Every structure is written in C-alpha cells, then in structure tokens.
C-alpha cells in the first residue's frame, strides 16, 4: 500500500527565485495533492527543501542539478535523500 508520494519540482521551479522576483508557481503540486488525498495518500512537496539546498550550494559555487540538464547531481540527490530518510 502506498502511503506517501514525493513531488519533485522542475529545475526552473527550484532556481526561479534566484533568476527573477516573479514567482511562476504552477498548480501541478496542488493537483497531485488533491488527487492523492482522495485516495488517502499524503503528498510531500520537495520544492522548499531543494530550493534551500540550492541556496546553500550556490554560496559554494555549486549547483544541485547538472548544469547542462535537468537531473540532480550528488548535491541534489543528497538533499532529497536526507529529507526523505528523516521523514519516512
């Protein structure tokens, strides 16, 4: 039985606050949360934890995504893994 689903934001969603002051928040998370809540499944948004990690890593001239694509590198993987393992 599935008890939790983790919402993984796009690279742009994580870094948009560093690029522009305008927030272009889409409602994918809210839709996913609504639909899974109907089934009694919790949905956890990783956007805030990844944005926090991106901010910390930027001070060290590092990124949490590979610069040339949209996949996490070791810093992004670590941030998500640490959060999920502490909140299972």
N, C-alpha and C. Protein backbone atom coordinates (compact mmCIF):
# COMPACT_ATOMS: atom_id res chain seq x y z
N UNK A 1 0.83 -1.18 0.00
CA UNK A 1 0.00 0.00 0.00
C UNK A 1 0.88 1.26 0.00
N UNK A 2 0.59 2.18 -0.87
CA UNK A 2 1.32 3.44 -0.96
C UNK A 2 0.81 4.38 0.12
N UNK A 3 1.73 4.93 0.91
CA UNK A 3 1.35 5.86 1.98
C UNK A 3 1.76 7.29 1.68
N UNK A 4 2.84 7.46 0.89
CA UNK A 4 3.35 8.79 0.56
C UNK A 4 3.84 8.84 -0.87
N UNK A 5 3.70 10.02 -1.46
CA UNK A 5 4.24 10.32 -2.78
C UNK A 5 5.03 11.61 -2.62
N UNK A 6 6.20 11.68 -3.25
CA UNK A 6 7.02 12.88 -3.18
C UNK A 6 6.96 13.63 -4.50
N UNK A 7 6.60 14.90 -4.43
CA UNK A 7 6.54 15.76 -5.60
C UNK A 7 7.93 16.31 -5.85
N UNK A 8 8.45 16.07 -7.05
CA UNK A 8 9.79 16.53 -7.44
C UNK A 8 9.62 17.74 -8.36
N UNK A 9 10.09 18.90 -7.93
CA UNK A 9 9.93 20.11 -8.74
C UNK A 9 10.88 20.12 -9.93
N UNK A 10 10.58 20.96 -10.88
CA UNK A 10 11.47 21.14 -12.03
C UNK A 10 12.69 21.97 -11.60
N UNK A 11 13.71 21.90 -12.40
CA UNK A 11 14.92 22.69 -12.16
C UNK A 11 14.57 24.18 -12.12
N UNK A 12 13.72 24.62 -13.03
CA UNK A 12 13.33 26.02 -13.07
C UNK A 12 12.59 26.42 -11.79
N UNK A 13 11.71 25.55 -11.29
CA UNK A 13 10.97 25.86 -10.06
C UNK A 13 11.91 26.07 -8.89
N UNK A 14 12.98 25.30 -8.83
CA UNK A 14 13.94 25.42 -7.73
C UNK A 14 14.77 26.69 -7.86
N UNK A 15 15.21 27.01 -9.08
CA UNK A 15 16.11 28.15 -9.27
C UNK A 15 15.41 29.45 -9.66
N UNK A 16 14.10 29.44 -9.86
CA UNK A 16 13.43 30.65 -10.35
C UNK A 16 13.56 31.83 -9.40
N UNK A 17 13.60 31.59 -8.09
CA UNK A 17 13.74 32.70 -7.15
C UNK A 17 15.11 33.37 -7.25
N UNK A 18 16.10 32.67 -7.80
CA UNK A 18 17.42 33.26 -7.99
C UNK A 18 17.51 34.00 -9.32
N UNK A 19 16.55 33.74 -10.21
CA UNK A 19 16.57 34.31 -11.55
C UNK A 19 15.68 35.54 -11.64
N UNK A 20 14.51 35.46 -11.03
CA UNK A 20 13.52 36.53 -11.12
C UNK A 20 12.77 36.66 -9.80
N UNK A 21 12.24 37.84 -9.54
CA UNK A 21 11.46 38.02 -8.31
C UNK A 21 10.03 37.54 -8.49
N UNK A 22 9.62 37.41 -9.72
CA UNK A 22 8.27 36.91 -10.00
C UNK A 22 8.22 35.41 -9.79
N UNK A 23 7.17 34.99 -9.14
CA UNK A 23 7.01 33.55 -8.94
C UNK A 23 6.01 33.03 -9.96
N UNK A 24 6.43 32.03 -10.67
CA UNK A 24 5.58 31.39 -11.67
C UNK A 24 5.22 30.00 -11.16
N UNK A 25 4.48 30.00 -10.05
CA UNK A 25 4.14 28.72 -9.44
C UNK A 25 3.00 28.07 -10.21
N UNK A 26 3.23 26.86 -10.60
CA UNK A 26 2.21 26.11 -11.31
C UNK A 26 1.44 25.29 -10.31
N UNK A 27 0.32 24.79 -10.71
CA UNK A 27 -0.51 24.06 -9.76
C UNK A 27 -0.38 22.54 -9.89
N UNK A 28 0.73 22.06 -10.42
CA UNK A 28 0.92 20.61 -10.52
C UNK A 28 0.91 19.96 -9.14
N UNK A 29 1.60 20.59 -8.18
CA UNK A 29 1.63 20.03 -6.83
C UNK A 29 0.24 19.99 -6.23
N UNK A 30 -0.49 21.07 -6.34
CA UNK A 30 -1.84 21.13 -5.74
C UNK A 30 -2.76 20.09 -6.38
N UNK A 31 -2.65 19.90 -7.69
CA UNK A 31 -3.46 18.89 -8.37
C UNK A 31 -3.09 17.49 -7.89
N UNK A 32 -1.79 17.22 -7.83
CA UNK A 32 -1.32 15.91 -7.38
C UNK A 32 -1.77 15.66 -5.94
N UNK A 33 -1.61 16.67 -5.10
CA UNK A 33 -2.01 16.55 -3.70
C UNK A 33 -3.51 16.28 -3.58
N UNK A 34 -4.31 16.99 -4.32
CA UNK A 34 -5.77 16.81 -4.29
C UNK A 34 -6.15 15.40 -4.71
N UNK A 35 -5.59 14.94 -5.81
CA UNK A 35 -5.95 13.62 -6.32
C UNK A 35 -5.50 12.48 -5.41
N UNK A 36 -4.27 12.58 -4.89
CA UNK A 36 -3.79 11.53 -4.00
C UNK A 36 -4.48 11.58 -2.63
N UNK A 37 -4.81 12.78 -2.17
CA UNK A 37 -5.53 12.87 -0.89
C UNK A 37 -6.90 12.19 -0.97
N UNK A 38 -7.50 12.20 -2.14
CA UNK A 38 -8.77 11.48 -2.33
C UNK A 38 -8.59 9.99 -2.08
N UNK A 39 -7.37 9.49 -2.29
CA UNK A 39 -7.06 8.08 -2.08
C UNK A 39 -6.44 7.82 -0.71
N UNK A 40 -6.32 8.88 0.10
CA UNK A 40 -5.73 8.73 1.42
C UNK A 40 -4.21 8.66 1.41
N UNK A 41 -3.60 9.19 0.37
CA UNK A 41 -2.14 9.16 0.22
C UNK A 41 -1.60 10.57 0.39
N UNK A 42 -0.63 10.71 1.28
CA UNK A 42 0.00 12.00 1.54
C UNK A 42 0.96 12.36 0.40
N UNK A 43 0.99 13.64 0.03
CA UNK A 43 1.92 14.13 -0.99
C UNK A 43 2.83 15.16 -0.33
N UNK A 44 4.13 14.95 -0.46
CA UNK A 44 5.12 15.83 0.14
C UNK A 44 5.83 16.59 -0.97
N UNK A 45 5.87 17.91 -0.85
CA UNK A 45 6.50 18.78 -1.84
C UNK A 45 7.98 18.97 -1.50
N UNK A 46 8.87 18.59 -2.39
CA UNK A 46 10.31 18.74 -2.16
C UNK A 46 10.85 20.09 -2.65
N UNK A 47 9.99 20.97 -3.14
CA UNK A 47 10.46 22.24 -3.69
C UNK A 47 11.22 23.06 -2.66
N UNK A 48 10.66 23.21 -1.48
CA UNK A 48 11.29 24.05 -0.47
C UNK A 48 12.64 23.48 -0.02
N UNK A 49 12.73 22.19 0.20
CA UNK A 49 13.99 21.60 0.66
C UNK A 49 15.06 21.69 -0.43
N UNK A 50 14.67 21.53 -1.70
CA UNK A 50 15.64 21.64 -2.79
C UNK A 50 16.05 23.09 -3.03
N UNK A 51 15.13 24.02 -2.87
CA UNK A 51 15.47 25.44 -3.01
C UNK A 51 16.44 25.86 -1.91
N UNK A 52 16.19 25.40 -0.69
CA UNK A 52 17.09 25.68 0.43
C UNK A 52 18.49 25.11 0.14
N UNK A 53 18.55 23.88 -0.32
CA UNK A 53 19.82 23.25 -0.65
C UNK A 53 20.51 23.99 -1.80
N UNK A 54 19.75 24.42 -2.79
CA UNK A 54 20.33 25.17 -3.91
C UNK A 54 20.96 26.46 -3.41
N UNK A 55 20.29 27.12 -2.49
CA UNK A 55 20.79 28.37 -1.93
C UNK A 55 22.12 28.15 -1.20
N UNK A 56 22.18 27.12 -0.39
CA UNK A 56 23.41 26.80 0.35
C UNK A 56 24.54 26.46 -0.63
N UNK A 57 24.22 25.63 -1.62
CA UNK A 57 25.25 25.21 -2.58
C UNK A 57 25.73 26.35 -3.45
N UNK A 58 24.86 27.30 -3.76
CA UNK A 58 25.28 28.44 -4.58
C UNK A 58 26.34 29.28 -3.87
N UNK A 59 26.28 29.34 -2.54
CA UNK A 59 27.31 30.10 -1.81
C UNK A 59 28.68 29.45 -1.95
N UNK A 60 28.71 28.17 -2.32
CA UNK A 60 29.96 27.44 -2.56
C UNK A 60 30.23 27.25 -4.06
N UNK A 61 29.53 28.02 -4.89
CA UNK A 61 29.65 27.90 -6.35
C UNK A 61 29.32 26.50 -6.85
N UNK A 62 28.36 25.86 -6.22
CA UNK A 62 27.91 24.53 -6.63
C UNK A 62 26.42 24.58 -6.95
N UNK A 63 25.98 23.62 -7.71
CA UNK A 63 24.57 23.50 -8.06
C UNK A 63 24.07 22.15 -7.58
N UNK A 64 22.75 21.99 -7.49
CA UNK A 64 22.19 20.70 -7.10
C UNK A 64 21.68 19.92 -8.31
N UNK A 65 21.66 20.57 -9.45
CA UNK A 65 21.34 19.92 -10.73
C UNK A 65 22.58 20.00 -11.60
N UNK A 66 22.72 19.06 -12.52
CA UNK A 66 23.78 19.19 -13.51
C UNK A 66 23.51 20.45 -14.31
N UNK A 67 24.53 21.19 -14.63
CA UNK A 67 24.36 22.47 -15.33
C UNK A 67 23.80 22.30 -16.74
N UNK A 68 24.08 21.17 -17.36
CA UNK A 68 23.67 21.00 -18.75
C UNK A 68 22.43 20.12 -18.93
N UNK A 69 21.78 19.73 -17.85
CA UNK A 69 20.50 19.03 -18.00
C UNK A 69 19.65 19.21 -16.73
N UNK A 70 18.56 18.47 -16.64
CA UNK A 70 17.60 18.70 -15.56
C UNK A 70 17.62 17.63 -14.48
N UNK A 71 18.69 16.87 -14.40
CA UNK A 71 18.80 15.82 -13.38
C UNK A 71 19.62 16.31 -12.20
N UNK A 72 19.31 15.78 -11.02
CA UNK A 72 20.08 16.12 -9.83
C UNK A 72 21.49 15.57 -9.94
N UNK A 73 22.43 16.30 -9.39
CA UNK A 73 23.77 15.76 -9.21
C UNK A 73 23.87 15.25 -7.77
N UNK A 74 25.07 14.98 -7.27
CA UNK A 74 25.20 14.39 -5.93
C UNK A 74 24.66 15.30 -4.83
N UNK A 75 24.70 16.62 -5.04
CA UNK A 75 24.19 17.53 -4.02
C UNK A 75 22.66 17.51 -3.97
N UNK A 76 22.03 17.45 -5.12
CA UNK A 76 20.57 17.35 -5.15
C UNK A 76 20.07 16.02 -4.63
N UNK A 77 20.76 14.96 -5.02
CA UNK A 77 20.39 13.63 -4.53
C UNK A 77 20.52 13.57 -3.02
N UNK A 78 21.61 14.12 -2.50
CA UNK A 78 21.84 14.09 -1.05
C UNK A 78 20.75 14.86 -0.31
N UNK A 79 20.39 16.06 -0.80
CA UNK A 79 19.38 16.87 -0.13
C UNK A 79 18.03 16.14 -0.07
N UNK A 80 17.62 15.56 -1.19
CA UNK A 80 16.34 14.83 -1.23
C UNK A 80 16.42 13.57 -0.37
N UNK A 81 17.51 12.83 -0.48
CA UNK A 81 17.67 11.59 0.29
C UNK A 81 17.64 11.86 1.78
N UNK A 82 18.36 12.89 2.21
CA UNK A 82 18.43 13.22 3.63
C UNK A 82 17.04 13.58 4.16
N UNK A 83 16.33 14.44 3.42
CA UNK A 83 14.99 14.85 3.85
C UNK A 83 14.03 13.65 3.90
N UNK A 84 14.03 12.86 2.86
CA UNK A 84 13.11 11.72 2.81
C UNK A 84 13.44 10.72 3.89
N UNK A 85 14.70 10.41 4.10
CA UNK A 85 15.06 9.40 5.11
C UNK A 85 14.71 9.88 6.51
N UNK A 86 14.72 11.17 6.75
CA UNK A 86 14.37 11.71 8.07
C UNK A 86 12.86 11.83 8.26
N UNK A 87 12.09 11.75 7.18
CA UNK A 87 10.65 11.98 7.26
C UNK A 87 9.80 10.82 6.77
N UNK A 88 10.36 9.64 6.68
CA UNK A 88 9.57 8.48 6.29
C UNK A 88 8.67 8.03 7.40
